[in-house]
Full PDB file with SEQRES, HELIX, SHEET, SSBOND, CRYST1, ORIGX, SCALE, CONECT and MASTER records, all heavy atoms in Angstrom:
SEQRES   1 A   37  VAL LEU LEU ALA LEU HIS ALA TYR GLN GLU ALA ARG TRP          
SEQRES   2 A   37  ARG SER GLY TRP ARG PRO LEU LEU PRO VAL LEU LEU LEU          
SEQRES   3 A   37  PHE ILE ALA ALA GLY MET ALA LYS PRO MET ALA                  
HELIX    1 AA1 LEU A    2  ALA A   11  1                                  10    
HELIX    2 AA2 ARG A   18  LEU A   20  5                                   3    
HELIX    3 AA3 LEU A   21  ALA A   33  1                                  13    
CRYST1    1.000    1.000    1.000  90.00  90.00  90.00 P 1           1          
ORIGX1      1.000000  0.000000  0.000000        0.00000                         
ORIGX2      0.000000  1.000000  0.000000        0.00000                         
ORIGX3      0.000000  0.000000  1.000000        0.00000                         
SCALE1      1.000000  0.000000  0.000000        0.00000                         
SCALE2      0.000000  1.000000  0.000000        0.00000                         
SCALE3      0.000000  0.000000  1.000000        0.00000                         
ATOM      1  N   VAL A   1      -1.569  -2.547   7.269  1.00  0.00           N  
ATOM      2  CA  VAL A   1      -1.004  -1.200   7.233  1.00  0.00           C  
ATOM      3  C   VAL A   1       0.523  -1.267   7.167  1.00  0.00           C  
ATOM      4  O   VAL A   1       1.168  -0.546   6.384  1.00  0.00           O  
ATOM      5  CB  VAL A   1      -1.458  -0.389   8.461  1.00  0.00           C  
ATOM      6  CG1 VAL A   1      -0.587   0.850   8.659  1.00  0.00           C  
ATOM      7  CG2 VAL A   1      -2.909   0.047   8.299  1.00  0.00           C  
ATOM      8  N   LEU A   2       1.122  -2.135   7.972  1.00  0.00           N  
ATOM      9  CA  LEU A   2       2.580  -2.265   7.955  1.00  0.00           C  
ATOM     10  C   LEU A   2       3.071  -2.827   6.623  1.00  0.00           C  
ATOM     11  O   LEU A   2       4.104  -2.387   6.092  1.00  0.00           O  
ATOM     12  CB  LEU A   2       3.019  -3.159   9.115  1.00  0.00           C  
ATOM     13  CG  LEU A   2       2.887  -2.517  10.499  1.00  0.00           C  
ATOM     14  CD1 LEU A   2       3.010  -3.564  11.598  1.00  0.00           C  
ATOM     15  CD2 LEU A   2       3.950  -1.431  10.685  1.00  0.00           C  
ATOM     16  N   LEU A   3       2.334  -3.784   6.065  1.00  0.00           N  
ATOM     17  CA  LEU A   3       2.694  -4.279   4.735  1.00  0.00           C  
ATOM     18  C   LEU A   3       2.590  -3.168   3.692  1.00  0.00           C  
ATOM     19  O   LEU A   3       3.415  -3.081   2.772  1.00  0.00           O  
ATOM     20  CB  LEU A   3       1.785  -5.445   4.342  1.00  0.00           C  
ATOM     21  CG  LEU A   3       2.063  -6.793   5.003  1.00  0.00           C  
ATOM     22  CD1 LEU A   3       1.033  -7.822   4.532  1.00  0.00           C  
ATOM     23  CD2 LEU A   3       3.477  -7.285   4.685  1.00  0.00           C  
ATOM     24  N   ALA A   4       1.572  -2.300   3.827  1.00  0.00           N  
ATOM     25  CA  ALA A   4       1.418  -1.184   2.895  1.00  0.00           C  
ATOM     26  C   ALA A   4       2.605  -0.230   2.984  1.00  0.00           C  
ATOM     27  O   ALA A   4       3.099   0.270   1.958  1.00  0.00           O  
ATOM     28  CB  ALA A   4       0.110  -0.440   3.175  1.00  0.00           C  
ATOM     29  N   LEU A   5       3.094   0.028   4.195  1.00  0.00           N  
ATOM     30  CA  LEU A   5       4.259   0.899   4.352  1.00  0.00           C  
ATOM     31  C   LEU A   5       5.503   0.260   3.743  1.00  0.00           C  
ATOM     32  O   LEU A   5       6.332   0.948   3.130  1.00  0.00           O  
ATOM     33  CB  LEU A   5       4.481   1.208   5.834  1.00  0.00           C  
ATOM     34  CG  LEU A   5       3.482   2.178   6.460  1.00  0.00           C  
ATOM     35  CD1 LEU A   5       3.693   2.264   7.972  1.00  0.00           C  
ATOM     36  CD2 LEU A   5       3.604   3.571   5.833  1.00  0.00           C  
ATOM     37  N   HIS A   6       5.641  -1.047   3.891  1.00  0.00           N  
ATOM     38  CA  HIS A   6       6.755  -1.736   3.240  1.00  0.00           C  
ATOM     39  C   HIS A   6       6.648  -1.618   1.723  1.00  0.00           C  
ATOM     40  O   HIS A   6       7.648  -1.357   1.035  1.00  0.00           O  
ATOM     41  CB  HIS A   6       6.759  -3.217   3.646  1.00  0.00           C  
ATOM     42  CG  HIS A   6       7.494  -3.495   4.914  1.00  0.00           C  
ATOM     43  ND1 HIS A   6       8.860  -3.649   4.979  1.00  0.00           N  
ATOM     44  CD2 HIS A   6       7.041  -3.638   6.193  1.00  0.00           C  
ATOM     45  CE1 HIS A   6       9.229  -3.893   6.223  1.00  0.00           C  
ATOM     46  NE2 HIS A   6       8.137  -3.888   6.977  1.00  0.00           N  
ATOM     47  N   ALA A   7       5.445  -1.809   1.195  1.00  0.00           N  
ATOM     48  CA  ALA A   7       5.252  -1.703  -0.250  1.00  0.00           C  
ATOM     49  C   ALA A   7       5.528  -0.278  -0.726  1.00  0.00           C  
ATOM     50  O   ALA A   7       6.066  -0.070  -1.827  1.00  0.00           O  
ATOM     51  CB  ALA A   7       3.829  -2.120  -0.621  1.00  0.00           C  
ATOM     52  N   TYR A   8       5.168   0.708   0.082  1.00  0.00           N  
ATOM     53  CA  TYR A   8       5.420   2.103  -0.281  1.00  0.00           C  
ATOM     54  C   TYR A   8       6.917   2.388  -0.267  1.00  0.00           C  
ATOM     55  O   TYR A   8       7.428   3.105  -1.130  1.00  0.00           O  
ATOM     56  CB  TYR A   8       4.691   3.022   0.695  1.00  0.00           C  
ATOM     57  CG  TYR A   8       4.677   4.468   0.266  1.00  0.00           C  
ATOM     58  CD1 TYR A   8       3.969   4.871  -0.856  1.00  0.00           C  
ATOM     59  CD2 TYR A   8       5.361   5.438   1.001  1.00  0.00           C  
ATOM     60  CE1 TYR A   8       3.954   6.189  -1.260  1.00  0.00           C  
ATOM     61  CE2 TYR A   8       5.346   6.762   0.611  1.00  0.00           C  
ATOM     62  CZ  TYR A   8       4.647   7.137  -0.518  1.00  0.00           C  
ATOM     63  OH  TYR A   8       4.629   8.451  -0.915  1.00  0.00           O  
ATOM     64  N   GLN A   9       7.618   1.825   0.715  1.00  0.00           N  
ATOM     65  CA  GLN A   9       9.068   1.977   0.765  1.00  0.00           C  
ATOM     66  C   GLN A   9       9.705   1.383  -0.490  1.00  0.00           C  
ATOM     67  O   GLN A   9      10.639   1.941  -1.058  1.00  0.00           O  
ATOM     68  CB  GLN A   9       9.608   1.277   2.012  1.00  0.00           C  
ATOM     69  CG  GLN A   9      11.111   1.310   2.172  1.00  0.00           C  
ATOM     70  CD  GLN A   9      11.604   2.577   2.832  1.00  0.00           C  
ATOM     71  OE1 GLN A   9      10.807   3.415   3.230  1.00  0.00           O  
ATOM     72  NE2 GLN A   9      12.918   2.714   2.934  1.00  0.00           N  
ATOM     73  N   GLU A  10       9.178   0.246  -0.939  1.00  0.00           N  
ATOM     74  CA  GLU A  10       9.704  -0.410  -2.135  1.00  0.00           C  
ATOM     75  C   GLU A  10       9.369   0.383  -3.399  1.00  0.00           C  
ATOM     76  O   GLU A  10      10.165   0.430  -4.341  1.00  0.00           O  
ATOM     77  CB  GLU A  10       9.115  -1.823  -2.238  1.00  0.00           C  
ATOM     78  CG  GLU A  10       9.693  -2.670  -3.332  1.00  0.00           C  
ATOM     79  CD  GLU A  10      11.119  -3.106  -3.061  1.00  0.00           C  
ATOM     80  OE1 GLU A  10      11.527  -3.135  -1.873  1.00  0.00           O  
ATOM     81  OE2 GLU A  10      11.829  -3.392  -4.033  1.00  0.00           O  
ATOM     82  N   ALA A  11       8.195   1.038  -3.413  1.00  0.00           N  
ATOM     83  CA  ALA A  11       7.754   1.754  -4.613  1.00  0.00           C  
ATOM     84  C   ALA A  11       8.651   2.935  -4.948  1.00  0.00           C  
ATOM     85  O   ALA A  11       8.664   3.388  -6.097  1.00  0.00           O  
ATOM     86  CB  ALA A  11       6.315   2.243  -4.426  1.00  0.00           C  
ATOM     87  N   ARG A  12       9.427   3.429  -3.998  1.00  0.00           N  
ATOM     88  CA  ARG A  12      10.267   4.588  -4.286  1.00  0.00           C  
ATOM     89  C   ARG A  12      11.361   4.266  -5.297  1.00  0.00           C  
ATOM     90  O   ARG A  12      11.954   5.164  -5.873  1.00  0.00           O  
ATOM     91  CB  ARG A  12      10.902   5.101  -2.989  1.00  0.00           C  
ATOM     92  CG  ARG A  12      12.031   4.222  -2.448  1.00  0.00           C  
ATOM     93  CD  ARG A  12      12.507   4.717  -1.107  1.00  0.00           C  
ATOM     94  NE  ARG A  12      13.562   3.872  -0.582  1.00  0.00           N  
ATOM     95  CZ  ARG A  12      14.769   4.309  -0.247  1.00  0.00           C  
ATOM     96  NH1 ARG A  12      15.083   5.578  -0.421  1.00  0.00           N  
ATOM     97  NH2 ARG A  12      15.658   3.490   0.248  1.00  0.00           N  
ATOM     98  N   TRP A  13      11.640   2.971  -5.496  1.00  0.00           N  
ATOM     99  CA  TRP A  13      12.677   2.597  -6.454  1.00  0.00           C  
ATOM    100  C   TRP A  13      12.150   2.590  -7.882  1.00  0.00           C  
ATOM    101  O   TRP A  13      12.914   2.370  -8.817  1.00  0.00           O  
ATOM    102  CB  TRP A  13      13.219   1.199  -6.122  1.00  0.00           C  
ATOM    103  CG  TRP A  13      13.847   1.099  -4.779  1.00  0.00           C  
ATOM    104  CD1 TRP A  13      13.319   0.500  -3.669  1.00  0.00           C  
ATOM    105  CD2 TRP A  13      15.106   1.631  -4.361  1.00  0.00           C  
ATOM    106  NE1 TRP A  13      14.174   0.613  -2.609  1.00  0.00           N  
ATOM    107  CE2 TRP A  13      15.278   1.313  -2.999  1.00  0.00           C  
ATOM    108  CE3 TRP A  13      16.101   2.351  -5.017  1.00  0.00           C  
ATOM    109  CZ2 TRP A  13      16.407   1.674  -2.281  1.00  0.00           C  
ATOM    110  CZ3 TRP A  13      17.231   2.719  -4.292  1.00  0.00           C  
ATOM    111  CH2 TRP A  13      17.376   2.377  -2.954  1.00  0.00           C  
ATOM    112  N   ARG A  14      10.860   2.800  -8.070  1.00  0.00           N  
ATOM    113  CA  ARG A  14      10.277   2.679  -9.409  1.00  0.00           C  
ATOM    114  C   ARG A  14       9.484   3.936  -9.749  1.00  0.00           C  
ATOM    115  O   ARG A  14       8.977   4.610  -8.862  1.00  0.00           O  
ATOM    116  CB  ARG A  14       9.373   1.445  -9.478  1.00  0.00           C  
ATOM    117  CG  ARG A  14      10.126   0.143  -9.217  1.00  0.00           C  
ATOM    118  CD  ARG A  14       9.187  -1.042  -9.174  1.00  0.00           C  
ATOM    119  NE  ARG A  14       9.920  -2.294  -9.021  1.00  0.00           N  
ATOM    120  CZ  ARG A  14      10.285  -2.800  -7.857  1.00  0.00           C  
ATOM    121  NH1 ARG A  14       9.968  -2.167  -6.739  1.00  0.00           N  
ATOM    122  NH2 ARG A  14      10.959  -3.935  -7.787  1.00  0.00           N  
ATOM    123  N   SER A  15       9.339   4.208 -11.032  1.00  0.00           N  
ATOM    124  CA  SER A  15       8.622   5.397 -11.473  1.00  0.00           C  
ATOM    125  C   SER A  15       7.185   5.050 -11.820  1.00  0.00           C  
ATOM    126  O   SER A  15       6.832   3.884 -12.015  1.00  0.00           O  
ATOM    127  CB  SER A  15       9.327   6.009 -12.689  1.00  0.00           C  
ATOM    128  OG  SER A  15       9.351   5.080 -13.756  1.00  0.00           O  
ATOM    129  N   GLY A  16       6.358   6.091 -11.924  1.00  0.00           N  
ATOM    130  CA  GLY A  16       4.973   5.901 -12.314  1.00  0.00           C  
ATOM    131  C   GLY A  16       4.064   5.541 -11.151  1.00  0.00           C  
ATOM    132  O   GLY A  16       4.497   5.403 -10.002  1.00  0.00           O  
ATOM    133  N   TRP A  17       2.759   5.367 -11.503  1.00  0.00           N  
ATOM    134  CA  TRP A  17       1.780   5.095 -10.461  1.00  0.00           C  
ATOM    135  C   TRP A  17       1.600   3.601 -10.216  1.00  0.00           C  
ATOM    136  O   TRP A  17       1.169   3.198  -9.157  1.00  0.00           O  
ATOM    137  CB  TRP A  17       0.422   5.709 -10.852  1.00  0.00           C  
ATOM    138  CG  TRP A  17      -0.446   5.913  -9.656  1.00  0.00           C  
ATOM    139  CD1 TRP A  17      -0.515   7.027  -8.878  1.00  0.00           C  
ATOM    140  CD2 TRP A  17      -1.364   4.963  -9.087  1.00  0.00           C  
ATOM    141  NE1 TRP A  17      -1.403   6.839  -7.854  1.00  0.00           N  
ATOM    142  CE2 TRP A  17      -1.944   5.587  -7.959  1.00  0.00           C  
ATOM    143  CE3 TRP A  17      -1.738   3.670  -9.419  1.00  0.00           C  
ATOM    144  CZ2 TRP A  17      -2.883   4.947  -7.162  1.00  0.00           C  
ATOM    145  CZ3 TRP A  17      -2.677   3.025  -8.625  1.00  0.00           C  
ATOM    146  CH2 TRP A  17      -3.243   3.664  -7.506  1.00  0.00           C  
ATOM    147  N   ARG A  18       1.977   2.775 -11.187  1.00  0.00           N  
ATOM    148  CA  ARG A  18       1.731   1.333 -11.075  1.00  0.00           C  
ATOM    149  C   ARG A  18       2.357   0.719  -9.812  1.00  0.00           C  
ATOM    150  O   ARG A  18       1.730  -0.134  -9.170  1.00  0.00           O  
ATOM    151  CB  ARG A  18       2.232   0.623 -12.328  1.00  0.00           C  
ATOM    152  CG  ARG A  18       1.916  -0.864 -12.347  1.00  0.00           C  
ATOM    153  CD  ARG A  18       2.292  -1.496 -13.669  1.00  0.00           C  
ATOM    154  NE  ARG A  18       1.512  -0.946 -14.765  1.00  0.00           N  
ATOM    155  CZ  ARG A  18       1.655  -1.305 -16.029  1.00  0.00           C  
ATOM    156  NH1 ARG A  18       2.581  -2.202 -16.352  1.00  0.00           N  
ATOM    157  NH2 ARG A  18       0.905  -0.765 -16.973  1.00  0.00           N  
ATOM    158  N   PRO A  19       3.584   1.107  -9.412  1.00  0.00           N  
ATOM    159  CA  PRO A  19       4.150   0.529  -8.190  1.00  0.00           C  
ATOM    160  C   PRO A  19       3.339   0.831  -6.935  1.00  0.00           C  
ATOM    161  O   PRO A  19       3.488   0.147  -5.919  1.00  0.00           O  
ATOM    162  CB  PRO A  19       5.539   1.175  -8.104  1.00  0.00           C  
ATOM    163  CG  PRO A  19       5.871   1.551  -9.502  1.00  0.00           C  
ATOM    164  CD  PRO A  19       4.563   1.945 -10.126  1.00  0.00           C  
ATOM    165  N   LEU A  20       2.478   1.862  -7.005  1.00  0.00           N  
ATOM    166  CA  LEU A  20       1.645   2.198  -5.846  1.00  0.00           C  
ATOM    167  C   LEU A  20       0.392   1.335  -5.753  1.00  0.00           C  
ATOM    168  O   LEU A  20      -0.298   1.366  -4.735  1.00  0.00           O  
ATOM    169  CB  LEU A  20       1.232   3.672  -5.905  1.00  0.00           C  
ATOM    170  CG  LEU A  20       2.351   4.696  -5.698  1.00  0.00           C  
ATOM    171  CD1 LEU A  20       1.817   6.103  -5.899  1.00  0.00           C  
ATOM    172  CD2 LEU A  20       2.966   4.560  -4.315  1.00  0.00           C  
ATOM    173  N   LEU A  21       0.091   0.557  -6.803  1.00  0.00           N  
ATOM    174  CA  LEU A  21      -1.112  -0.271  -6.780  1.00  0.00           C  
ATOM    175  C   LEU A  21      -1.103  -1.285  -5.634  1.00  0.00           C  
ATOM    176  O   LEU A  21      -2.112  -1.435  -4.942  1.00  0.00           O  
ATOM    177  CB  LEU A  21      -1.283  -0.982  -8.128  1.00  0.00           C  
ATOM    178  CG  LEU A  21      -2.559  -1.813  -8.287  1.00  0.00           C  
ATOM    179  CD1 LEU A  21      -3.809  -0.955  -8.077  1.00  0.00           C  
ATOM    180  CD2 LEU A  21      -2.598  -2.481  -9.658  1.00  0.00           C  
ATOM    181  N   PRO A  22       0.022  -1.994  -5.373  1.00  0.00           N  
ATOM    182  CA  PRO A  22       0.022  -2.888  -4.208  1.00  0.00           C  
ATOM    183  C   PRO A  22      -0.238  -2.155  -2.899  1.00  0.00           C  
ATOM    184  O   PRO A  22      -0.894  -2.694  -1.998  1.00  0.00           O  
ATOM    185  CB  PRO A  22       1.423  -3.505  -4.225  1.00  0.00           C  
ATOM    186  CG  PRO A  22       1.883  -3.372  -5.636  1.00  0.00           C  
ATOM    187  CD  PRO A  22       1.272  -2.101  -6.138  1.00  0.00           C  
ATOM    188  N   VAL A  23       0.256  -0.919  -2.797  1.00  0.00           N  
ATOM    189  CA  VAL A  23       0.020  -0.132  -1.584  1.00  0.00           C  
ATOM    190  C   VAL A  23      -1.467   0.141  -1.426  1.00  0.00           C  
ATOM    191  O   VAL A  23      -2.033   0.001  -0.328  1.00  0.00           O  
ATOM    192  CB  VAL A  23       0.803   1.198  -1.636  1.00  0.00           C  
ATOM    193  CG1 VAL A  23       0.685   1.934  -0.305  1.00  0.00           C  
ATOM    194  CG2 VAL A  23       2.263   0.954  -1.990  1.00  0.00           C  
ATOM    195  N   LEU A  24      -2.116   0.516  -2.532  1.00  0.00           N  
ATOM    196  CA  LEU A  24      -3.550   0.810  -2.486  1.00  0.00           C  
ATOM    197  C   LEU A  24      -4.353  -0.439  -2.136  1.00  0.00           C  
ATOM    198  O   LEU A  24      -5.295  -0.382  -1.329  1.00  0.00           O  
ATOM    199  CB  LEU A  24      -4.006   1.379  -3.826  1.00  0.00           C  
ATOM    200  CG  LEU A  24      -5.470   1.842  -3.905  1.00  0.00           C  
ATOM    201  CD1 LEU A  24      -5.739   2.974  -2.931  1.00  0.00           C  
ATOM    202  CD2 LEU A  24      -5.818   2.268  -5.334  1.00  0.00           C  
ATOM    203  N   LEU A  25      -3.998  -1.583  -2.714  1.00  0.00           N  
ATOM    204  CA  LEU A  25      -4.724  -2.824  -2.425  1.00  0.00           C  
ATOM    205  C   LEU A  25      -4.552  -3.235  -0.964  1.00  0.00           C  
ATOM    206  O   LEU A  25      -5.508  -3.692  -0.318  1.00  0.00           O  
ATOM    207  CB  LEU A  25      -4.236  -3.930  -3.354  1.00  0.00           C  
ATOM    208  CG  LEU A  25      -4.553  -3.754  -4.837  1.00  0.00           C  
ATOM    209  CD1 LEU A  25      -3.933  -4.871  -5.661  1.00  0.00           C  
ATOM    210  CD2 LEU A  25      -6.066  -3.698  -5.073  1.00  0.00           C  
ATOM    211  N   LEU A  26      -3.349  -3.066  -0.421  1.00  0.00           N  
ATOM    212  CA  LEU A  26      -3.122  -3.383   0.988  1.00  0.00           C  
ATOM    213  C   LEU A  26      -3.882  -2.410   1.882  1.00  0.00           C  
ATOM    214  O   LEU A  26      -4.368  -2.795   2.958  1.00  0.00           O  
ATOM    215  CB  LEU A  26      -1.623  -3.343   1.292  1.00  0.00           C  
ATOM    216  CG  LEU A  26      -0.815  -4.504   0.714  1.00  0.00           C  
ATOM    217  CD1 LEU A  26       0.678  -4.196   0.757  1.00  0.00           C  
ATOM    218  CD2 LEU A  26      -1.124  -5.795   1.463  1.00  0.00           C  
ATOM    219  N   PHE A  27      -4.006  -1.167   1.441  1.00  0.00           N  
ATOM    220  CA  PHE A  27      -4.796  -0.178   2.180  1.00  0.00           C  
ATOM    221  C   PHE A  27      -6.262  -0.600   2.225  1.00  0.00           C  
ATOM    222  O   PHE A  27      -6.911  -0.548   3.271  1.00  0.00           O  
ATOM    223  CB  PHE A  27      -4.629   1.181   1.515  1.00  0.00           C  
ATOM    224  CG  PHE A  27      -5.489   2.278   2.091  1.00  0.00           C  
ATOM    225  CD1 PHE A  27      -5.788   2.328   3.446  1.00  0.00           C  
ATOM    226  CD2 PHE A  27      -5.996   3.272   1.264  1.00  0.00           C  
ATOM    227  CE1 PHE A  27      -6.568   3.351   3.974  1.00  0.00           C  
ATOM    228  CE2 PHE A  27      -6.776   4.294   1.780  1.00  0.00           C  
ATOM    229  CZ  PHE A  27      -7.070   4.327   3.137  1.00  0.00           C  
ATOM    230  N   ILE A  28      -6.783  -1.045   1.110  1.00  0.00           N  
ATOM    231  CA  ILE A  28      -8.174  -1.511   1.066  1.00  0.00           C  
ATOM    232  C   ILE A  28      -8.355  -2.716   1.992  1.00  0.00           C  
ATOM    233  O   ILE A  28      -9.333  -2.812   2.738  1.00  0.00           O  
ATOM    234  CB  ILE A  28      -8.579  -1.844  -0.372  1.00  0.00           C  
ATOM    235  CG1 ILE A  28      -8.604  -0.566  -1.220  1.00  0.00           C  
ATOM    236  CG2 ILE A  28      -9.947  -2.526  -0.414  1.00  0.00           C  
ATOM    237  CD1 ILE A  28      -8.783  -0.813  -2.708  1.00  0.00           C  
ATOM    238  N   ALA A  29      -7.395  -3.645   1.960  1.00  0.00           N  
ATOM    239  CA  ALA A  29      -7.463  -4.810   2.841  1.00  0.00           C  
ATOM    240  C   ALA A  29      -7.453  -4.381   4.306  1.00  0.00           C  
ATOM    241  O   ALA A  29      -8.212  -4.921   5.127  1.00  0.00           O  
ATOM    242  CB  ALA A  29      -6.295  -5.758   2.551  1.00  0.00           C  
ATOM    243  N   ALA A  30      -6.602  -3.417   4.648  1.00  0.00           N  
ATOM    244  CA  ALA A  30      -6.554  -2.922   6.024  1.00  0.00           C  
ATOM    245  C   ALA A  30      -7.891  -2.307   6.429  1.00  0.00           C  
ATOM    246  O   ALA A  30      -8.385  -2.532   7.540  1.00  0.00           O  
ATOM    247  CB  ALA A  30      -5.441  -1.889   6.175  1.00  0.00           C  
ATOM    248  N   GLY A  31      -8.497  -1.536   5.501  1.00  0.00           N  
ATOM    249  CA  GLY A  31      -9.795  -0.931   5.795  1.00  0.00           C  
ATOM    250  C   GLY A  31     -10.897  -1.948   5.936  1.00  0.00           C  
ATOM    251  O   GLY A  31     -11.877  -1.725   6.657  1.00  0.00           O  
ATOM    252  N   MET A  32     -10.763  -3.103   5.263  1.00  0.00           N  
ATOM    253  CA  MET A  32     -11.754  -4.168   5.385  1.00  0.00           C  
ATOM    254  C   MET A  32     -11.579  -4.958   6.683  1.00  0.00           C  
ATOM    255  O   MET A  32     -12.440  -5.754   7.051  1.00  0.00           O  
ATOM    256  CB  MET A  32     -11.654  -5.106   4.184  1.00  0.00           C  
ATOM    257  CG  MET A  32     -12.077  -4.460   2.873  1.00  0.00           C  
ATOM    258  SD  MET A  32     -11.744  -5.513   1.425  1.00  0.00           S  
ATOM    259  CE  MET A  32     -12.958  -6.817   1.668  1.00  0.00           C  
ATOM    260  N   ALA A  33     -10.446  -4.749   7.342  1.00  0.00           N  
ATOM    261  CA  ALA A  33     -10.230  -5.371   8.649  1.00  0.00           C  
ATOM    262  C   ALA A  33     -10.686  -4.450   9.772  1.00  0.00           C  
ATOM    263  O   ALA A  33     -11.273  -4.900  10.755  1.00  0.00           O  
ATOM    264  CB  ALA A  33      -8.759  -5.729   8.831  1.00  0.00           C  
ATOM    265  N   LYS A  34     -10.416  -3.144   9.632  1.00  0.00           N  
ATOM    266  CA  LYS A  34     -10.838  -2.166  10.641  1.00  0.00           C  
ATOM    267  C   LYS A  34     -10.794  -0.781  10.009  1.00  0.00           C  
ATOM    268  O   LYS A  34      -9.786  -0.417   9.381  1.00  0.00           O  
ATOM    269  CB  LYS A  34      -9.917  -2.215  11.863  1.00  0.00           C  
ATOM    270  CG  LYS A  34     -10.400  -1.372  13.027  1.00  0.00           C  
ATOM    271  CD  LYS A  34      -9.515  -1.549  14.248  1.00  0.00           C  
ATOM    272  CE  LYS A  34     -10.054  -0.754  15.437  1.00  0.00           C  
ATOM    273  NZ  LYS A  34      -9.235  -0.931  16.652  1.00  0.00           N  
ATOM    274  N   PRO A  35     -11.858   0.018  10.172  1.00  0.00           N  
ATOM    275  CA  PRO A  35     -11.900   1.332   9.516  1.00  0.00           C  
ATOM    276  C   PRO A  35     -10.813   2.294   9.986  1.00  0.00           C  
ATOM    277  O   PRO A  35     -10.573   3.302   9.318  1.00  0.00           O  
ATOM    278  CB  PRO A  35     -13.291   1.866   9.893  1.00  0.00           C  
ATOM    279  CG  PRO A  35     -14.093   0.655  10.228  1.00  0.00           C  
ATOM    280  CD  PRO A  35     -13.138  -0.319  10.829  1.00  0.00           C  
ATOM    281  N   MET A  36     -10.153   1.996  11.093  1.00  0.00           N  
ATOM    282  CA  MET A  36      -9.084   2.865  11.565  1.00  0.00           C  
ATOM    283  C   MET A  36      -7.977   3.039  10.516  1.00  0.00           C  
ATOM    284  O   MET A  36      -7.158   3.964  10.597  1.00  0.00           O  
ATOM    285  CB  MET A  36      -8.483   2.331  12.861  1.00  0.00           C  
ATOM    286  CG  MET A  36      -7.566   3.300  13.582  1.00  0.00           C  
ATOM    287  SD  MET A  36      -6.858   2.602  15.083  1.00  0.00           S  
ATOM    288  CE  MET A  36      -8.319   2.524  16.121  1.00  0.00           C  
ATOM    289  N   ALA A  37      -7.964   2.172   9.507  1.00  0.00           N  
ATOM    290  CA  ALA A  37      -6.966   2.274   8.443  1.00  0.00           C  
ATOM    291  C   ALA A  37      -7.076   3.573   7.657  1.00  0.00           C  
ATOM    292  O   ALA A  37      -6.180   3.878   6.862  1.00  0.00           O  
ATOM    293  CB  ALA A  37      -7.090   1.085   7.496  1.00  0.00           C  
TER     294      ALA A  37                                                      
MASTER        0    0    0    3    0    0    0    6  293    1    0    3          
END                                                                             
C-alpha cells in the first residue's frame, strides 16, 4: 500500500492512465497479501 502511494505520488508528473498501472499492480499485490487493501 505504501509503495502504491509512492507510485501514485510519482504518477502526478506524467499524463495519461499508463503511469497509474504500477499503482494498480501494487494495489493488487497488497490485496493478495491482505483484503484490508
